[in-house]
Amino acid sequence: MALGRKGARRIVVDGTAYRWRLRRRPTYFQALSWTPCTFAVEHAETPGTTLVVTTDRPHASNWFGLESRPVLPSEVARAVQLALQEGWAPTAPGAPFHLDRSAGFTPMP
C-alpha cells in the first residue's frame, strides 16, 4: 500500500530518495497511550514494500498530554539504514516491513 503524497516528507538516505509520513491524528490506542507512535517510509520513485517503524514514545497528540518528542529526519534516516540491513527491499512488492524500535515504551494503564 503506497503512502499518500499529502503530508509526506522527502528524505535522501545514502543517495536514494524516500518519502516518509507520520500520522497527524493518533489511532485510538495511540491516543490512549496504549501503543507507541509509528511512521511509514517508502521509496520515492518506485514504491514497493512500505517500512512501518514503531517508535519508543507516545504520539504527540495523545489525550493525556504525555510528553513526547518529535520524529526527526535523522531518526527516519537511521531507521531506513537499519531496515535495509535487516532485509527491507523498498522497491519489491510485498507486505509491509515492520521495524520495532519500541524498547523502553511504557503504555498507560
Protein backbone atom coordinates (compact mmCIF):
# COMPACT_ATOMS: atom_id res chain seq x y z
CA MET A 1 0.00 0.00 0.00
CA ALA A 2 1.50 3.32 -1.08
CA LEU A 3 1.70 6.37 1.14
CA GLY A 4 -0.43 9.32 0.24
CA ARG A 5 1.59 12.22 -1.14
CA LYS A 6 -0.20 14.77 1.01
CA GLY A 7 1.73 15.23 4.24
CA ALA A 8 4.63 13.02 3.15
CA ARG A 9 8.15 14.40 3.50
CA ARG A 10 11.09 13.63 1.25
CA ILE A 11 14.37 12.35 2.66
CA VAL A 12 17.54 11.14 0.94
CA VAL A 13 19.42 8.29 2.61
CA ASP A 14 22.71 7.11 1.09
CA GLY A 15 21.83 8.73 -2.25
CA THR A 16 18.33 7.18 -2.50
CA ALA A 17 15.17 9.26 -2.16
CA TYR A 18 12.37 8.10 0.14
CA ARG A 19 9.09 9.57 1.36
CA TRP A 20 8.02 9.28 4.97
CA ARG A 21 4.88 10.18 6.84
CA LEU A 22 3.77 10.39 10.43
CA ARG A 23 0.06 10.07 11.10
CA ARG A 24 -1.26 13.51 12.02
CA ARG A 25 -4.06 12.18 14.22
CA PRO A 26 -3.30 9.26 16.52
CA THR A 27 -5.14 5.97 16.33
CA TYR A 28 -7.47 5.27 19.27
CA PHE A 29 -4.84 3.14 21.02
CA GLN A 30 -2.12 5.74 20.39
CA ALA A 31 -4.41 8.48 21.74
CA LEU A 32 -4.81 6.49 24.96
CA SER A 33 -1.04 5.89 25.03
CA TRP A 34 -1.53 2.14 24.95
CA THR A 35 0.63 1.81 21.82
CA PRO A 36 3.58 3.93 20.68
CA CYS A 37 3.79 6.34 17.77
CA THR A 38 4.57 4.89 14.32
CA PHE A 39 5.67 6.29 10.98
CA ALA A 40 5.88 4.86 7.47
CA VAL A 41 8.57 5.10 4.79
CA GLU A 42 8.58 4.15 1.10
CA HIS A 43 10.86 4.50 -1.92
CA ALA A 44 10.11 7.85 -3.61
CA GLU A 45 10.25 6.80 -7.28
CA THR A 46 9.33 3.11 -7.18
CA PRO A 47 7.14 2.42 -4.14
CA GLY A 48 7.02 -1.24 -3.23
CA THR A 49 7.17 -2.59 0.30
CA THR A 50 6.34 0.03 2.92
CA LEU A 51 8.52 0.26 6.02
CA VAL A 52 6.49 0.73 9.23
CA VAL A 53 8.59 1.92 12.18
CA THR A 54 7.32 1.71 15.76
CA THR A 55 8.97 4.34 17.96
CA ASP A 56 9.65 4.32 21.70
CA ARG A 57 7.39 7.25 22.59
CA PRO A 58 3.71 8.17 22.72
CA HIS A 59 2.09 10.03 19.83
CA ALA A 60 2.44 13.80 20.29
CA SER A 61 -1.37 14.20 20.13
CA ASN A 62 -2.18 11.70 22.88
CA TRP A 63 -5.21 12.53 25.00
CA PHE A 64 -3.33 12.62 28.31
CA GLY A 65 -0.79 15.24 27.31
CA LEU A 66 2.10 12.87 27.93
CA GLU A 67 5.38 14.40 26.89
CA SER A 68 6.64 13.22 23.54
CA ARG A 69 9.42 14.37 21.28
CA PRO A 70 9.07 14.82 17.52
CA VAL A 71 10.23 12.29 14.96
CA LEU A 72 13.30 13.88 13.38
CA PRO A 73 14.59 13.24 9.86
CA SER A 74 17.82 11.89 11.38
CA GLU A 75 15.78 9.23 13.20
CA VAL A 76 13.99 8.34 9.95
CA ALA A 77 17.36 8.02 8.16
CA ARG A 78 18.70 5.69 10.90
CA ALA A 79 15.54 3.57 10.70
CA VAL A 80 15.87 3.27 6.91
CA GLN A 81 19.52 2.23 7.19
CA LEU A 82 18.71 -0.35 9.88
CA ALA A 83 15.76 -1.75 7.91
CA LEU A 84 17.91 -2.09 4.79
CA GLN A 85 20.49 -4.02 6.85
CA GLU A 86 17.70 -6.28 8.14
CA GLY A 87 16.47 -7.11 4.65
CA TRP A 88 13.91 -4.47 3.69
CA ALA A 89 13.59 -4.29 -0.11
CA PRO A 90 11.83 -0.95 -0.69
CA THR A 91 11.19 -1.41 -4.43
CA ALA A 92 9.96 -5.02 -4.27
CA PRO A 93 6.22 -5.62 -3.87
CA GLY A 94 5.09 -7.26 -0.67
CA ALA A 95 3.62 -6.92 2.78
CA PRO A 96 4.76 -4.04 4.99
CA PHE A 97 8.15 -4.49 6.64
CA HIS A 98 7.91 -3.79 10.39
CA LEU A 99 10.81 -2.33 12.35
CA ASP A 100 10.19 -2.32 16.09
CA ARG A 101 12.14 0.40 17.91
CA SER A 102 9.73 0.49 20.88
CA ALA A 103 12.13 -0.79 23.57
CA GLY A 104 11.51 1.34 26.64
CA PHE A 105 7.93 2.38 25.80
CA THR A 106 5.64 2.11 28.81
CA PRO A 107 1.92 2.03 27.95
CA MET A 108 -0.61 3.88 30.09
CA PRO A 109 -2.53 1.58 32.43
